[in-house]
Amino acid sequence: MNNNSSNILVCVTQQKTCERLIHEAVKLLEKYNGTLHVLHVAKNNWKFLDNDREGEALDYLFSISKNVGANLTVLRSEDITGTIKKYVIDNGIGCIVLGESPEKNSSRSIISKLERTLIKAEIKVIPQ
């Protein structure tokens, strides 16, 4: 964990299964006594609120976040990695919790992109 901050960021998609990431981050909070942030970044052309299942999943994750004392922030951007990086810097995040990437080319995955750009934040990847 970054010594400068014990704040933890959980990056979620619009899937209910991301609940496990939030619960893993809560375990880290018990160890580091920081603040928990939950973030979903959607590209500008993604219409997740018009899709009942995806909207329901985000609503579910919002409820889970609220139950553990975190807010779920939803941002729109064409630059997902850059938006996460800015959020990390602006909120003093020391650890980022992510699920495994479905991207087959590991150098193109969001995890690899964040590792290349966020030198000061620890990245924890939670397996499925």
C-alpha atoms as a PDB file:
ATOM      1  CA  MET A   1       0.000   0.000   0.000  1.00  0.00           C
ATOM      2  CA  ASN A   2       1.204   3.493  -0.803  1.00  0.00           C
ATOM      3  CA  ASN A   3       2.458   5.168   2.366  1.00  0.00           C
ATOM      4  CA  ASN A   4       0.963   8.521   1.341  1.00  0.00           C
ATOM      5  CA  SER A   5      -2.629   7.338   1.446  1.00  0.00           C
ATOM      6  CA  SER A   6      -4.790   4.563   2.745  1.00  0.00           C
ATOM      7  CA  ASN A   7      -7.754   5.495   0.523  1.00  0.00           C
ATOM      8  CA  ILE A   8      -8.938   2.621  -1.642  1.00  0.00           C
ATOM      9  CA  LEU A   9     -10.627   2.778  -5.034  1.00  0.00           C
ATOM     10  CA  VAL A  10     -12.702  -0.066  -6.436  1.00  0.00           C
ATOM     11  CA  CYS A  11     -13.210   0.103 -10.199  1.00  0.00           C
ATOM     12  CA  VAL A  12     -16.452  -1.595 -11.227  1.00  0.00           C
ATOM     13  CA  THR A  13     -18.233  -2.380 -14.455  1.00  0.00           C
ATOM     14  CA  GLN A  14     -21.993  -2.538 -14.887  1.00  0.00           C
ATOM     15  CA  GLN A  15     -22.161  -6.108 -13.564  1.00  0.00           C
ATOM     16  CA  LYS A  16     -23.542  -7.302 -10.243  1.00  0.00           C
ATOM     17  CA  THR A  17     -20.558  -9.643  -9.893  1.00  0.00           C
ATOM     18  CA  CYS A  18     -18.426  -6.585  -9.077  1.00  0.00           C
ATOM     19  CA  GLU A  19     -19.914  -6.806  -5.590  1.00  0.00           C
ATOM     20  CA  ARG A  20     -17.060  -9.201  -4.729  1.00  0.00           C
ATOM     21  CA  LEU A  21     -14.537  -6.453  -5.519  1.00  0.00           C
ATOM     22  CA  ILE A  22     -16.234  -4.095  -3.088  1.00  0.00           C
ATOM     23  CA  HIS A  23     -16.194  -6.744  -0.351  1.00  0.00           C
ATOM     24  CA  GLU A  24     -12.485  -7.451  -0.959  1.00  0.00           C
ATOM     25  CA  ALA A  25     -11.780  -3.719  -0.647  1.00  0.00           C
ATOM     26  CA  VAL A  26     -13.684  -3.624   2.654  1.00  0.00           C
ATOM     27  CA  LYS A  27     -11.266  -6.262   3.981  1.00  0.00           C
ATOM     28  CA  LEU A  28      -8.368  -4.004   2.956  1.00  0.00           C
ATOM     29  CA  LEU A  29     -10.020  -1.073   4.734  1.00  0.00           C
ATOM     30  CA  GLU A  30     -10.012  -3.005   7.981  1.00  0.00           C
ATOM     31  CA  LYS A  31      -6.250  -3.360   7.609  1.00  0.00           C
ATOM     32  CA  TYR A  32      -5.446   0.165   6.405  1.00  0.00           C
ATOM     33  CA  ASN A  33      -8.264   2.219   7.960  1.00  0.00           C
ATOM     34  CA  GLY A  34      -8.842   4.420   4.914  1.00  0.00           C
ATOM     35  CA  THR A  35     -11.772   5.700   2.904  1.00  0.00           C
ATOM     36  CA  LEU A  36     -13.439   3.526   0.277  1.00  0.00           C
ATOM     37  CA  HIS A  37     -14.335   4.899  -3.153  1.00  0.00           C
ATOM     38  CA  VAL A  38     -16.214   2.985  -5.868  1.00  0.00           C
ATOM     39  CA  LEU A  39     -15.944   4.184  -9.466  1.00  0.00           C
ATOM     40  CA  HIS A  40     -17.501   3.242 -12.792  1.00  0.00           C
ATOM     41  CA  VAL A  41     -16.205   5.007 -15.908  1.00  0.00           C
ATOM     42  CA  ALA A  42     -18.380   4.690 -18.998  1.00  0.00           C
ATOM     43  CA  LYS A  43     -17.485   5.823 -22.491  1.00  0.00           C
ATOM     44  CA  ASN A  44     -19.609   8.694 -23.722  1.00  0.00           C
ATOM     45  CA  ASN A  45     -21.482   6.551 -26.256  1.00  0.00           C
ATOM     46  CA  TRP A  46     -22.356   3.728 -23.812  1.00  0.00           C
ATOM     47  CA  LYS A  47     -26.069   3.755 -23.023  1.00  0.00           C
ATOM     48  CA  PHE A  48     -26.064   1.799 -19.792  1.00  0.00           C
ATOM     49  CA  LEU A  49     -29.005   3.598 -18.180  1.00  0.00           C
ATOM     50  CA  ASP A  50     -31.250   2.700 -21.131  1.00  0.00           C
ATOM     51  CA  ASN A  51     -30.400  -0.969 -20.651  1.00  0.00           C
ATOM     52  CA  ASP A  52     -32.562  -2.329 -17.818  1.00  0.00           C
ATOM     53  CA  ARG A  53     -30.115  -5.053 -16.797  1.00  0.00           C
ATOM     54  CA  GLU A  54     -27.059  -2.794 -16.733  1.00  0.00           C
ATOM     55  CA  GLY A  55     -28.941   0.025 -15.021  1.00  0.00           C
ATOM     56  CA  GLU A  56     -30.208  -2.464 -12.442  1.00  0.00           C
ATOM     57  CA  ALA A  57     -26.656  -3.726 -11.889  1.00  0.00           C
ATOM     58  CA  LEU A  58     -25.344  -0.197 -11.262  1.00  0.00           C
ATOM     59  CA  ASP A  59     -28.246   0.461  -8.906  1.00  0.00           C
ATOM     60  CA  TYR A  60     -27.380  -2.768  -7.079  1.00  0.00           C
ATOM     61  CA  LEU A  61     -23.693  -1.783  -6.827  1.00  0.00           C
ATOM     62  CA  PHE A  62     -24.746   1.656  -5.584  1.00  0.00           C
ATOM     63  CA  SER A  63     -26.700  -0.036  -2.800  1.00  0.00           C
ATOM     64  CA  ILE A  64     -23.775  -2.326  -1.906  1.00  0.00           C
ATOM     65  CA  SER A  65     -21.429   0.671  -1.889  1.00  0.00           C
ATOM     66  CA  LYS A  66     -23.748   2.638   0.364  1.00  0.00           C
ATOM     67  CA  ASN A  67     -24.050  -0.321   2.768  1.00  0.00           C
ATOM     68  CA  VAL A  68     -20.261  -0.389   3.262  1.00  0.00           C
ATOM     69  CA  GLY A  69     -19.976   3.389   3.669  1.00  0.00           C
ATOM     70  CA  ALA A  70     -18.769   4.248   0.161  1.00  0.00           C
ATOM     71  CA  ASN A  71     -20.223   6.317  -2.631  1.00  0.00           C
ATOM     72  CA  LEU A  72     -20.449   4.974  -6.172  1.00  0.00           C
ATOM     73  CA  THR A  73     -19.309   7.597  -8.651  1.00  0.00           C
ATOM     74  CA  VAL A  74     -20.191   7.225 -12.329  1.00  0.00           C
ATOM     75  CA  LEU A  75     -18.144   9.280 -14.785  1.00  0.00           C
ATOM     76  CA  ARG A  76     -18.274   9.505 -18.578  1.00  0.00           C
ATOM     77  CA  SER A  77     -15.107   9.760 -20.612  1.00  0.00           C
ATOM     78  CA  GLU A  78     -13.489   8.551 -23.816  1.00  0.00           C
ATOM     79  CA  ASP A  79     -10.229   8.120 -21.874  1.00  0.00           C
ATOM     80  CA  ILE A  80     -11.083   5.568 -19.182  1.00  0.00           C
ATOM     81  CA  THR A  81      -7.489   5.114 -17.994  1.00  0.00           C
ATOM     82  CA  GLY A  82      -6.857   8.874 -17.850  1.00  0.00           C
ATOM     83  CA  THR A  83     -10.115   9.436 -15.975  1.00  0.00           C
ATOM     84  CA  ILE A  84      -9.226   6.785 -13.391  1.00  0.00           C
ATOM     85  CA  LYS A  85      -5.749   8.291 -13.040  1.00  0.00           C
ATOM     86  CA  LYS A  86      -7.208  11.768 -12.440  1.00  0.00           C
ATOM     87  CA  TYR A  87      -9.660  10.351  -9.878  1.00  0.00           C
ATOM     88  CA  VAL A  88      -6.790   8.575  -8.087  1.00  0.00           C
ATOM     89  CA  ILE A  89      -4.743  11.776  -7.889  1.00  0.00           C
ATOM     90  CA  ASP A  90      -7.673  14.019  -6.934  1.00  0.00           C
ATOM     91  CA  ASN A  91      -8.815  11.675  -4.135  1.00  0.00           C
ATOM     92  CA  GLY A  92      -5.477  10.568  -2.694  1.00  0.00           C
ATOM     93  CA  ILE A  93      -5.949   6.915  -3.614  1.00  0.00           C
ATOM     94  CA  GLY A  94      -3.170   4.553  -2.488  1.00  0.00           C
ATOM     95  CA  CYS A  95      -4.694   1.262  -3.659  1.00  0.00           C
ATOM     96  CA  ILE A  96      -6.893   0.321  -6.612  1.00  0.00           C
ATOM     97  CA  VAL A  97      -8.951  -2.876  -6.560  1.00  0.00           C
ATOM     98  CA  LEU A  98      -9.850  -4.364  -9.950  1.00  0.00           C
ATOM     99  CA  GLY A  99     -11.241  -7.599 -11.292  1.00  0.00           C
ATOM    100  CA  GLU A 100      -9.365  -9.671 -13.841  1.00  0.00           C
ATOM    101  CA  SER A 101      -9.422  -8.231 -17.337  1.00  0.00           C
ATOM    102  CA  PRO A 102     -11.244 -10.144 -20.089  1.00  0.00           C
ATOM    103  CA  GLU A 103      -8.737  -8.636 -22.554  1.00  0.00           C
ATOM    104  CA  LYS A 104      -6.676 -11.455 -24.072  1.00  0.00           C
ATOM    105  CA  ASN A 105      -3.771  -9.156 -24.959  1.00  0.00           C
ATOM    106  CA  SER A 106      -2.489  -8.310 -21.476  1.00  0.00           C
ATOM    107  CA  SER A 107      -0.569  -5.236 -22.657  1.00  0.00           C
ATOM    108  CA  ARG A 108      -3.864  -3.672 -23.807  1.00  0.00           C
ATOM    109  CA  SER A 109      -5.829  -4.467 -20.648  1.00  0.00           C
ATOM    110  CA  ILE A 110      -6.969  -1.709 -18.314  1.00  0.00           C
ATOM    111  CA  ILE A 111      -4.776  -3.281 -15.630  1.00  0.00           C
ATOM    112  CA  SER A 112      -1.630  -2.936 -17.743  1.00  0.00           C
ATOM    113  CA  LYS A 113      -2.552   0.592 -18.780  1.00  0.00           C
ATOM    114  CA  LEU A 114      -3.039   1.625 -15.149  1.00  0.00           C
ATOM    115  CA  GLU A 115       0.193  -0.062 -14.072  1.00  0.00           C
ATOM    116  CA  ARG A 116       2.049   1.985 -16.683  1.00  0.00           C
ATOM    117  CA  THR A 117       0.488   5.296 -15.665  1.00  0.00           C
ATOM    118  CA  LEU A 118      -0.107   5.021 -11.895  1.00  0.00           C
ATOM    119  CA  ILE A 119       3.290   4.432 -10.402  1.00  0.00           C
ATOM    120  CA  LYS A 120       2.319   5.590  -6.904  1.00  0.00           C
ATOM    121  CA  ALA A 121      -0.867   3.547  -6.470  1.00  0.00           C
ATOM    122  CA  GLU A 122      -0.793  -0.145  -5.630  1.00  0.00           C
ATOM    123  CA  ILE A 123      -3.027  -2.248  -7.879  1.00  0.00           C
ATOM    124  CA  LYS A 124      -4.711  -5.351  -6.487  1.00  0.00           C
ATOM    125  CA  VAL A 125      -6.313  -7.667  -9.039  1.00  0.00           C
ATOM    126  CA  ILE A 126      -8.987  -9.943  -7.593  1.00  0.00           C
ATOM    127  CA  PRO A 127      -9.362 -13.230  -9.503  1.00  0.00           C
ATOM    128  CA  GLN A 128     -12.792 -14.463 -10.512  1.00  0.00           C
END
